């Protein structure tokens, strides 16, 4: 397991606010079903597992306590930095992307905009609709939802601009060599 990930999760676990938020998230029956599905090596279950994980995340982000616990991960240096390093590891062949994401994660303005986006229930609903369209391979619906997000919600525009300033969008467009 990635040492940075372990260090970040250990630091997060040491924060009472994080643990309090997580206790609202854990539904042992739902986790048991997901684990049982994952234990079957049939690739036909991949969509089902993906859907289950997305539904779990969706219900988690709709609860203020859990959203605060997740956002806490972004605010604390001792948690954020190892988690960003662990997340960046698979993209070692894309140093521009790693540098851009790391710079964006360190920017308090980006973190404020992430909070503003996640705190808005209508924005979360549009984000989930866009994710649903992507999972269903509905590109037109995905583009429409993304455009609605950008046009209707200033927090999304500000977050997009902040990510652009750090080069995240440009780095995402470029394929690895």
N, C-alpha and C. Protein backbone atom coordinates (compact mmCIF):
# COMPACT_ATOMS: atom_id res chain seq x y z
N UNK A 1 0.84 -1.18 0.00
CA UNK A 1 0.00 0.00 0.00
C UNK A 1 0.89 1.24 0.00
N UNK A 2 0.40 2.28 -0.61
CA UNK A 2 1.13 3.53 -0.73
C UNK A 2 1.35 4.16 0.65
N UNK A 3 2.62 4.45 0.98
CA UNK A 3 2.99 5.01 2.28
C UNK A 3 2.33 6.38 2.52
N UNK A 4 2.24 7.21 1.47
CA UNK A 4 1.60 8.51 1.61
C UNK A 4 0.11 8.38 1.93
N UNK A 5 -0.53 7.41 1.28
CA UNK A 5 -1.95 7.18 1.54
C UNK A 5 -2.16 6.77 2.99
N UNK A 6 -1.33 5.86 3.47
CA UNK A 6 -1.44 5.41 4.85
C UNK A 6 -1.20 6.58 5.81
N UNK A 7 -0.19 7.39 5.54
CA UNK A 7 0.11 8.54 6.40
C UNK A 7 -1.08 9.52 6.41
N UNK A 8 -1.65 9.80 5.24
CA UNK A 8 -2.78 10.72 5.16
C UNK A 8 -4.01 10.19 5.87
N UNK A 9 -4.32 8.90 5.67
CA UNK A 9 -5.48 8.32 6.32
C UNK A 9 -5.29 8.23 7.84
N UNK A 10 -4.06 7.95 8.27
CA UNK A 10 -3.77 7.92 9.70
C UNK A 10 -3.96 9.30 10.31
N UNK A 11 -3.48 10.33 9.63
CA UNK A 11 -3.67 11.70 10.13
C UNK A 11 -5.15 12.05 10.16
N UNK A 12 -5.89 11.66 9.13
CA UNK A 12 -7.33 11.94 9.10
C UNK A 12 -8.04 11.22 10.24
N UNK A 13 -7.66 9.97 10.48
CA UNK A 13 -8.30 9.19 11.53
C UNK A 13 -8.05 9.80 12.91
N UNK A 14 -6.96 10.50 13.07
CA UNK A 14 -6.64 11.15 14.33
C UNK A 14 -7.48 12.38 14.61
N UNK A 15 -8.28 12.82 13.65
CA UNK A 15 -9.12 14.00 13.82
C UNK A 15 -10.53 13.58 14.25
N UNK A 16 -10.96 13.96 15.45
CA UNK A 16 -12.30 13.55 15.92
C UNK A 16 -13.41 13.97 14.96
N UNK A 17 -13.27 15.15 14.32
CA UNK A 17 -14.31 15.61 13.40
C UNK A 17 -14.46 14.67 12.21
N UNK A 18 -13.35 14.10 11.77
CA UNK A 18 -13.38 13.17 10.65
C UNK A 18 -14.07 11.86 11.06
N UNK A 19 -13.68 11.32 12.21
CA UNK A 19 -14.29 10.08 12.68
C UNK A 19 -15.79 10.27 12.92
N UNK A 20 -16.19 11.42 13.50
CA UNK A 20 -17.61 11.67 13.73
C UNK A 20 -18.38 11.70 12.41
N UNK A 21 -17.80 12.31 11.39
CA UNK A 21 -18.45 12.35 10.09
C UNK A 21 -18.58 10.97 9.47
N UNK A 22 -17.54 10.16 9.62
CA UNK A 22 -17.56 8.83 9.02
C UNK A 22 -18.57 7.89 9.66
N UNK A 23 -18.80 8.06 10.94
CA UNK A 23 -19.73 7.12 11.58
C UNK A 23 -21.13 7.24 10.98
N UNK A 24 -21.44 8.37 10.35
CA UNK A 24 -22.74 8.52 9.66
C UNK A 24 -22.72 7.84 8.30
N UNK A 25 -21.54 7.58 7.77
CA UNK A 25 -21.40 7.02 6.42
C UNK A 25 -21.51 5.51 6.40
N UNK A 26 -20.99 4.88 7.39
CA UNK A 26 -20.80 3.43 7.33
C UNK A 26 -22.12 2.70 7.54
N UNK A 27 -22.55 2.04 6.51
CA UNK A 27 -23.71 1.17 6.56
C UNK A 27 -23.16 -0.23 6.30
N UNK A 28 -23.05 -1.03 7.36
CA UNK A 28 -22.39 -2.33 7.25
C UNK A 28 -23.06 -3.25 6.24
N UNK A 29 -24.39 -3.20 6.14
CA UNK A 29 -25.07 -4.05 5.16
C UNK A 29 -24.67 -3.66 3.74
N UNK A 30 -24.63 -2.36 3.47
CA UNK A 30 -24.26 -1.89 2.14
C UNK A 30 -22.80 -2.25 1.82
N UNK A 31 -21.92 -2.10 2.81
CA UNK A 31 -20.51 -2.45 2.62
C UNK A 31 -20.38 -3.95 2.38
N UNK A 32 -21.15 -4.77 3.11
CA UNK A 32 -21.09 -6.22 2.94
C UNK A 32 -21.51 -6.63 1.53
N UNK A 33 -22.55 -6.00 1.01
CA UNK A 33 -23.00 -6.30 -0.35
C UNK A 33 -21.93 -5.91 -1.36
N UNK A 34 -21.33 -4.73 -1.20
CA UNK A 34 -20.27 -4.30 -2.12
C UNK A 34 -19.07 -5.24 -2.06
N UNK A 35 -18.67 -5.65 -0.86
CA UNK A 35 -17.53 -6.56 -0.72
C UNK A 35 -17.84 -7.92 -1.35
N UNK A 36 -19.06 -8.41 -1.16
CA UNK A 36 -19.44 -9.68 -1.77
C UNK A 36 -19.40 -9.58 -3.28
N UNK A 37 -19.86 -8.48 -3.81
CA UNK A 37 -19.83 -8.27 -5.26
C UNK A 37 -18.40 -8.18 -5.76
N UNK A 38 -17.55 -7.47 -5.01
CA UNK A 38 -16.15 -7.34 -5.42
C UNK A 38 -15.41 -8.67 -5.36
N UNK A 39 -15.83 -9.56 -4.45
CA UNK A 39 -15.12 -10.82 -4.31
C UNK A 39 -15.34 -11.76 -5.50
N UNK A 40 -16.40 -11.53 -6.25
CA UNK A 40 -16.66 -12.31 -7.45
C UNK A 40 -15.84 -11.71 -8.59
N UNK A 41 -15.03 -12.51 -9.24
CA UNK A 41 -14.13 -11.98 -10.26
C UNK A 41 -14.80 -11.77 -11.61
N UNK A 42 -16.11 -11.88 -11.67
CA UNK A 42 -16.85 -11.68 -12.92
C UNK A 42 -16.85 -10.20 -13.29
N UNK A 43 -16.34 -9.87 -14.46
CA UNK A 43 -16.28 -8.47 -14.88
C UNK A 43 -17.67 -7.92 -15.21
N UNK A 44 -18.66 -8.75 -15.29
CA UNK A 44 -20.02 -8.29 -15.53
C UNK A 44 -20.58 -7.49 -14.36
N UNK A 45 -19.96 -7.66 -13.20
CA UNK A 45 -20.41 -6.93 -12.01
C UNK A 45 -19.78 -5.55 -11.91
N UNK A 46 -18.84 -5.21 -12.79
CA UNK A 46 -18.13 -3.94 -12.68
C UNK A 46 -19.08 -2.75 -12.65
N UNK A 47 -20.08 -2.72 -13.52
CA UNK A 47 -21.03 -1.60 -13.55
C UNK A 47 -21.85 -1.57 -12.26
N UNK A 48 -22.23 -2.76 -11.78
CA UNK A 48 -23.01 -2.85 -10.55
C UNK A 48 -22.20 -2.33 -9.35
N UNK A 49 -20.94 -2.70 -9.26
CA UNK A 49 -20.08 -2.24 -8.18
C UNK A 49 -19.86 -0.74 -8.30
N UNK A 50 -19.60 -0.27 -9.51
CA UNK A 50 -19.40 1.17 -9.73
C UNK A 50 -20.65 1.93 -9.30
N UNK A 51 -21.80 1.45 -9.67
CA UNK A 51 -23.07 2.09 -9.31
C UNK A 51 -23.23 2.10 -7.79
N UNK A 52 -22.92 0.99 -7.14
CA UNK A 52 -23.03 0.91 -5.68
C UNK A 52 -22.11 1.89 -4.98
N UNK A 53 -20.88 2.00 -5.45
CA UNK A 53 -19.93 2.94 -4.86
C UNK A 53 -20.37 4.38 -5.09
N UNK A 54 -20.87 4.67 -6.28
CA UNK A 54 -21.37 6.03 -6.57
C UNK A 54 -22.58 6.37 -5.70
N UNK A 55 -23.47 5.40 -5.50
CA UNK A 55 -24.65 5.65 -4.66
C UNK A 55 -24.23 5.90 -3.21
N UNK A 56 -23.22 5.16 -2.74
CA UNK A 56 -22.72 5.35 -1.39
C UNK A 56 -22.12 6.74 -1.25
N UNK A 57 -21.33 7.16 -2.22
CA UNK A 57 -20.72 8.48 -2.19
C UNK A 57 -21.78 9.57 -2.28
N UNK A 58 -22.77 9.36 -3.13
CA UNK A 58 -23.85 10.35 -3.29
C UNK A 58 -24.59 10.55 -1.97
N UNK A 59 -24.98 9.47 -1.33
CA UNK A 59 -25.71 9.61 -0.07
C UNK A 59 -24.81 10.20 1.01
N UNK A 60 -23.51 9.91 0.95
CA UNK A 60 -22.58 10.47 1.93
C UNK A 60 -22.47 11.98 1.77
N UNK A 61 -22.31 12.46 0.55
CA UNK A 61 -22.12 13.90 0.33
C UNK A 61 -23.39 14.70 0.56
N UNK A 62 -24.53 14.04 0.62
CA UNK A 62 -25.77 14.75 0.91
C UNK A 62 -25.94 15.04 2.40
N UNK A 63 -25.12 14.41 3.22
CA UNK A 63 -25.18 14.64 4.67
C UNK A 63 -24.10 15.64 5.07
N UNK A 64 -24.51 16.67 5.76
CA UNK A 64 -23.58 17.75 6.13
C UNK A 64 -22.40 17.24 6.96
N UNK A 65 -22.64 16.30 7.87
CA UNK A 65 -21.56 15.81 8.72
C UNK A 65 -20.48 15.11 7.91
N UNK A 66 -20.92 14.33 6.93
CA UNK A 66 -19.96 13.58 6.12
C UNK A 66 -19.25 14.51 5.16
N UNK A 67 -19.99 15.45 4.59
CA UNK A 67 -19.37 16.43 3.69
C UNK A 67 -18.29 17.20 4.45
N UNK A 68 -18.57 17.59 5.67
CA UNK A 68 -17.57 18.30 6.48
C UNK A 68 -16.35 17.42 6.75
N UNK A 69 -16.58 16.13 7.00
CA UNK A 69 -15.45 15.22 7.23
C UNK A 69 -14.58 15.11 5.98
N UNK A 70 -15.21 15.02 4.83
CA UNK A 70 -14.46 14.92 3.57
C UNK A 70 -13.72 16.22 3.30
N UNK A 71 -14.41 17.35 3.50
CA UNK A 71 -13.76 18.64 3.26
C UNK A 71 -12.63 18.89 4.24
N UNK A 72 -12.72 18.31 5.42
CA UNK A 72 -11.66 18.42 6.40
C UNK A 72 -10.36 17.84 5.84
N UNK A 73 -10.48 16.81 5.01
CA UNK A 73 -9.29 16.21 4.39
C UNK A 73 -8.53 17.22 3.55
N UNK A 74 -9.27 18.14 2.93
CA UNK A 74 -8.62 19.15 2.10
C UNK A 74 -7.99 20.27 2.91
N UNK A 75 -8.53 20.54 4.09
CA UNK A 75 -8.10 21.70 4.86
C UNK A 75 -6.84 21.46 5.68
N UNK A 76 -6.60 20.27 6.13
CA UNK A 76 -5.47 19.98 7.01
C UNK A 76 -4.26 19.56 6.20
N UNK A 77 -3.16 20.33 6.33
CA UNK A 77 -1.93 20.03 5.58
C UNK A 77 -1.45 18.61 5.81
N UNK A 78 -1.48 18.16 7.08
CA UNK A 78 -0.95 16.84 7.43
C UNK A 78 -1.77 15.70 6.84
N UNK A 79 -2.99 15.99 6.41
CA UNK A 79 -3.83 14.99 5.76
C UNK A 79 -3.78 15.18 4.25
N UNK A 80 -3.97 16.41 3.80
CA UNK A 80 -4.07 16.71 2.37
C UNK A 80 -2.81 16.32 1.61
N UNK A 81 -1.65 16.71 2.10
CA UNK A 81 -0.41 16.49 1.35
C UNK A 81 -0.12 15.02 1.08
N UNK A 82 -0.20 14.14 2.09
CA UNK A 82 0.03 12.72 1.76
C UNK A 82 -1.05 12.13 0.86
N UNK A 83 -2.31 12.59 1.02
CA UNK A 83 -3.37 12.07 0.15
C UNK A 83 -3.18 12.52 -1.30
N UNK A 84 -2.75 13.77 -1.48
CA UNK A 84 -2.49 14.25 -2.84
C UNK A 84 -1.32 13.47 -3.44
N UNK A 85 -0.28 13.24 -2.65
CA UNK A 85 0.87 12.47 -3.14
C UNK A 85 0.45 11.04 -3.52
N UNK A 86 -0.39 10.43 -2.71
CA UNK A 86 -0.85 9.07 -3.01
C UNK A 86 -1.73 9.05 -4.26
N UNK A 87 -2.58 10.07 -4.41
CA UNK A 87 -3.45 10.15 -5.57
C UNK A 87 -2.64 10.40 -6.84
N UNK A 88 -1.55 11.14 -6.71
CA UNK A 88 -0.73 11.49 -7.88
C UNK A 88 0.17 10.34 -8.33
N UNK A 89 0.46 9.41 -7.45
CA UNK A 89 1.40 8.33 -7.79
C UNK A 89 1.07 7.59 -9.09
N UNK A 90 -0.19 7.22 -9.34
CA UNK A 90 -0.49 6.51 -10.58
C UNK A 90 -0.26 7.36 -11.85
N UNK A 91 -0.11 8.67 -11.67
CA UNK A 91 0.07 9.57 -12.81
C UNK A 91 1.51 10.04 -12.93
N UNK A 92 2.44 9.25 -12.44
CA UNK A 92 3.86 9.63 -12.47
C UNK A 92 4.33 9.87 -13.91
N UNK A 93 3.69 9.23 -14.88
CA UNK A 93 4.07 9.42 -16.28
C UNK A 93 3.49 10.73 -16.85
N UNK A 94 2.76 11.48 -16.01
CA UNK A 94 2.18 12.76 -16.43
C UNK A 94 2.58 13.84 -15.42
N UNK A 95 3.86 14.22 -15.41
CA UNK A 95 4.34 15.16 -14.39
C UNK A 95 3.63 16.51 -14.41
N UNK A 96 3.19 16.97 -15.56
CA UNK A 96 2.47 18.25 -15.62
C UNK A 96 1.14 18.15 -14.86
N UNK A 97 0.46 17.03 -15.00
CA UNK A 97 -0.80 16.83 -14.29
C UNK A 97 -0.57 16.75 -12.79
N UNK A 98 0.45 16.01 -12.37
CA UNK A 98 0.78 15.89 -10.95
C UNK A 98 1.09 17.26 -10.36
N UNK A 99 1.91 18.04 -11.06
CA UNK A 99 2.28 19.38 -10.57
C UNK A 99 1.06 20.29 -10.49
N UNK A 100 0.19 20.23 -11.49
CA UNK A 100 -0.99 21.09 -11.52
C UNK A 100 -1.97 20.73 -10.41
N UNK A 101 -2.23 19.46 -10.23
CA UNK A 101 -3.16 19.02 -9.18
C UNK A 101 -2.60 19.35 -7.80
N UNK A 102 -1.30 19.14 -7.61
CA UNK A 102 -0.67 19.46 -6.33
C UNK A 102 -0.77 20.96 -6.04
N UNK A 103 -0.48 21.78 -7.04
CA UNK A 103 -0.57 23.23 -6.85
C UNK A 103 -2.01 23.65 -6.55
N UNK A 104 -2.97 23.07 -7.24
CA UNK A 104 -4.38 23.41 -6.99
C UNK A 104 -4.80 23.00 -5.58
N UNK A 105 -4.36 21.83 -5.14
CA UNK A 105 -4.73 21.36 -3.80
C UNK A 105 -4.14 22.24 -2.70
N UNK A 106 -3.01 22.87 -2.98
CA UNK A 106 -2.37 23.74 -2.00
C UNK A 106 -2.96 25.15 -1.98
N UNK A 107 -3.77 25.48 -2.96
CA UNK A 107 -4.33 26.83 -3.08
C UNK A 107 -5.60 26.96 -2.24
N UNK A 108 -5.59 27.83 -1.22
CA UNK A 108 -6.79 28.00 -0.38
C UNK A 108 -8.01 28.45 -1.19
N UNK A 109 -7.81 29.20 -2.26
CA UNK A 109 -8.94 29.65 -3.08
C UNK A 109 -9.62 28.45 -3.75
N UNK A 110 -8.85 27.49 -4.22
CA UNK A 110 -9.42 26.28 -4.84
C UNK A 110 -10.20 25.50 -3.78
N UNK A 111 -9.63 25.36 -2.61
CA UNK A 111 -10.31 24.62 -1.55
C UNK A 111 -11.62 25.32 -1.14
N UNK A 112 -11.63 26.64 -1.12
CA UNK A 112 -12.88 27.38 -0.82
C UNK A 112 -13.93 27.10 -1.89
N UNK A 113 -13.51 27.07 -3.15
CA UNK A 113 -14.47 26.84 -4.23
C UNK A 113 -14.98 25.40 -4.22
N UNK A 114 -14.13 24.44 -3.88
CA UNK A 114 -14.59 23.05 -3.76
C UNK A 114 -15.66 22.98 -2.68
N UNK A 115 -15.42 23.65 -1.57
CA UNK A 115 -16.40 23.68 -0.48
C UNK A 115 -17.71 24.32 -0.97
N UNK A 116 -17.62 25.44 -1.67
CA UNK A 116 -18.82 26.12 -2.16
C UNK A 116 -19.61 25.23 -3.10
N UNK A 117 -18.91 24.52 -3.97
CA UNK A 117 -19.58 23.62 -4.91
C UNK A 117 -20.27 22.48 -4.17
N UNK A 118 -19.57 21.85 -3.23
CA UNK A 118 -20.15 20.70 -2.53
C UNK A 118 -21.23 21.10 -1.53
N UNK A 119 -21.22 22.33 -1.06
CA UNK A 119 -22.24 22.78 -0.11
C UNK A 119 -23.56 23.13 -0.78
N UNK A 120 -23.58 23.27 -2.09
CA UNK A 120 -24.79 23.66 -2.81
C UNK A 120 -25.53 22.41 -3.30
N UNK A 121 -26.71 22.16 -2.74
CA UNK A 121 -27.47 20.95 -3.08
C UNK A 121 -27.82 20.88 -4.56
N UNK A 122 -28.17 22.02 -5.17
CA UNK A 122 -28.52 22.01 -6.60
C UNK A 122 -27.30 21.68 -7.45
N UNK A 123 -26.15 22.17 -7.06
CA UNK A 123 -24.92 21.86 -7.81
C UNK A 123 -24.59 20.37 -7.66
N UNK A 124 -24.72 19.85 -6.44
CA UNK A 124 -24.46 18.41 -6.24
C UNK A 124 -25.40 17.57 -7.10
N UNK A 125 -26.67 17.97 -7.17
CA UNK A 125 -27.64 17.23 -7.99
C UNK A 125 -27.23 17.24 -9.46
N UNK A 126 -26.79 18.38 -9.96
CA UNK A 126 -26.35 18.45 -11.37
C UNK A 126 -25.06 17.64 -11.59
N UNK A 127 -24.17 17.67 -10.61
CA UNK A 127 -22.94 16.87 -10.73
C UNK A 127 -23.30 15.39 -10.81
N UNK A 128 -24.20 14.95 -9.93
CA UNK A 128 -24.59 13.53 -9.97
C UNK A 128 -25.31 13.19 -11.27
N UNK A 129 -26.10 14.10 -11.79
CA UNK A 129 -26.76 13.84 -13.08
C UNK A 129 -25.71 13.71 -14.18
N UNK A 130 -24.67 14.55 -14.14
CA UNK A 130 -23.59 14.44 -15.13
C UNK A 130 -22.85 13.12 -14.98
N UNK A 131 -22.60 12.70 -13.73
CA UNK A 131 -21.93 11.41 -13.51
C UNK A 131 -22.80 10.28 -14.01
N UNK A 132 -24.10 10.34 -13.73
CA UNK A 132 -25.01 9.31 -14.23
C UNK A 132 -24.98 9.23 -15.75
N UNK A 133 -24.94 10.38 -16.41
CA UNK A 133 -24.87 10.40 -17.87
C UNK A 133 -23.56 9.81 -18.37
N UNK A 134 -22.46 10.06 -17.65
CA UNK A 134 -21.17 9.50 -18.06
C UNK A 134 -21.18 7.99 -17.90
N UNK A 135 -21.69 7.52 -16.77
CA UNK A 135 -21.75 6.08 -16.52
C UNK A 135 -22.62 5.40 -17.58
N UNK A 136 -23.68 6.07 -17.99
CA UNK A 136 -24.59 5.51 -19.01
C UNK A 136 -24.08 5.76 -20.43
N UNK A 137 -22.88 6.31 -20.55
CA UNK A 137 -22.29 6.64 -21.86
C UNK A 137 -23.18 7.57 -22.67
N UNK A 138 -23.83 8.51 -22.01
CA UNK A 138 -24.69 9.48 -22.65
C UNK A 138 -23.91 10.79 -22.75
N UNK A 139 -23.10 10.92 -23.79
CA UNK A 139 -22.22 12.09 -23.93
C UNK A 139 -23.00 13.39 -24.08
N UNK A 140 -24.09 13.36 -24.80
CA UNK A 140 -24.89 14.58 -24.98
C UNK A 140 -25.44 15.04 -23.63
N UNK A 141 -25.96 14.11 -22.85
CA UNK A 141 -26.47 14.46 -21.52
C UNK A 141 -25.36 14.98 -20.61
N UNK A 142 -24.17 14.38 -20.71
CA UNK A 142 -23.02 14.82 -19.92
C UNK A 142 -22.63 16.25 -20.27
N UNK A 143 -22.55 16.54 -21.57
CA UNK A 143 -22.19 17.89 -22.01
C UNK A 143 -23.26 18.89 -21.57
N UNK A 144 -24.52 18.52 -21.70
CA UNK A 144 -25.62 19.41 -21.30
C UNK A 144 -25.56 19.72 -19.81
N UNK A 145 -25.34 18.70 -18.99
CA UNK A 145 -25.26 18.90 -17.52
C UNK A 145 -24.05 19.75 -17.17
N UNK A 146 -22.92 19.50 -17.81
CA UNK A 146 -21.72 20.29 -17.54
C UNK A 146 -21.95 21.76 -17.92
N UNK A 147 -22.61 21.98 -19.03
CA UNK A 147 -22.90 23.37 -19.45
C UNK A 147 -23.84 24.04 -18.45
N UNK A 148 -24.85 23.32 -17.98
CA UNK A 148 -25.77 23.87 -16.99
C UNK A 148 -25.03 24.24 -15.70
N UNK A 149 -24.13 23.37 -15.29
CA UNK A 149 -23.33 23.66 -14.09
C UNK A 149 -22.56 24.96 -14.26
N UNK A 150 -21.91 25.06 -15.39
CA UNK A 150 -21.04 26.21 -15.65
C UNK A 150 -21.84 27.50 -15.77
N UNK A 151 -22.99 27.44 -16.44
CA UNK A 151 -23.78 28.65 -16.70
C UNK A 151 -24.55 29.09 -15.46
N UNK A 152 -25.13 28.17 -14.73
CA UNK A 152 -26.03 28.53 -13.64
C UNK A 152 -25.35 28.78 -12.29
N UNK A 153 -24.15 28.29 -12.10
CA UNK A 153 -23.58 28.33 -10.75
C UNK A 153 -22.21 29.00 -10.74
N UNK A 154 -22.15 30.20 -10.20
CA UNK A 154 -20.89 30.93 -10.15
C UNK A 154 -19.78 30.18 -9.43
N UNK A 155 -20.13 29.38 -8.43
CA UNK A 155 -19.10 28.63 -7.71
C UNK A 155 -18.40 27.63 -8.64
N UNK A 156 -19.15 27.05 -9.56
CA UNK A 156 -18.56 26.11 -10.52
C UNK A 156 -17.65 26.86 -11.49
N UNK A 157 -18.09 28.04 -11.93
CA UNK A 157 -17.24 28.85 -12.82
C UNK A 157 -15.95 29.24 -12.10
N UNK A 158 -16.07 29.67 -10.84
CA UNK A 158 -14.87 30.07 -10.09
C UNK A 158 -13.94 28.89 -9.87
N UNK A 159 -14.48 27.72 -9.57
CA UNK A 159 -13.64 26.53 -9.39
C UNK A 159 -12.97 26.16 -10.70
N UNK A 160 -13.70 26.20 -11.80
CA UNK A 160 -13.13 25.88 -13.12
C UNK A 160 -12.01 26.85 -13.45
N UNK A 161 -12.23 28.13 -13.19
CA UNK A 161 -11.19 29.13 -13.45
C UNK A 161 -9.96 28.89 -12.58
N UNK A 162 -10.17 28.56 -11.31
CA UNK A 162 -9.05 28.30 -10.40
C UNK A 162 -8.26 27.08 -10.88
N UNK A 163 -8.95 26.04 -11.31
CA UNK A 163 -8.25 24.85 -11.83
C UNK A 163 -7.51 25.18 -13.12
N UNK A 164 -8.11 26.02 -13.93
CA UNK A 164 -7.46 26.47 -15.17
C UNK A 164 -6.18 27.24 -14.86
N UNK A 165 -6.25 28.15 -13.88
CA UNK A 165 -5.07 28.94 -13.49
C UNK A 165 -3.89 28.05 -13.08
N UNK A 166 -4.18 26.92 -12.47
CA UNK A 166 -3.12 26.01 -12.03
C UNK A 166 -2.70 25.04 -13.13
N UNK A 167 -3.36 25.07 -14.27
CA UNK A 167 -2.99 24.21 -15.39
C UNK A 167 -3.59 22.82 -15.35
N UNK A 168 -4.55 22.58 -14.44
CA UNK A 168 -5.15 21.25 -14.32
C UNK A 168 -5.89 20.87 -15.60
N UNK A 169 -6.69 21.79 -16.13
CA UNK A 169 -7.49 21.47 -17.32
C UNK A 169 -6.60 21.19 -18.52
N UNK A 170 -5.56 21.99 -18.69
CA UNK A 170 -4.62 21.78 -19.80
C UNK A 170 -3.92 20.43 -19.64
N UNK A 171 -3.49 20.11 -18.42
CA UNK A 171 -2.78 18.85 -18.18
C UNK A 171 -3.70 17.65 -18.39
N UNK A 172 -4.97 17.79 -18.08
CA UNK A 172 -5.91 16.69 -18.32
C UNK A 172 -6.10 16.40 -19.81
N UNK A 173 -6.03 17.44 -20.63
CA UNK A 173 -6.23 17.27 -22.07
C UNK A 173 -5.08 16.53 -22.73
N UNK A 174 -3.86 16.67 -22.19
CA UNK A 174 -2.69 16.06 -22.80
C UNK A 174 -2.54 14.60 -22.39
N UNK A 175 -2.33 13.78 -23.38
CA UNK A 175 -2.13 12.34 -23.15
C UNK A 175 -0.70 12.10 -22.65
N UNK A 176 -0.50 11.03 -21.88
CA UNK A 176 0.87 10.70 -21.43
C UNK A 176 1.72 10.25 -22.61
N UNK A 177 3.01 10.48 -22.50
CA UNK A 177 3.92 10.08 -23.59
C UNK A 177 4.32 8.64 -23.49
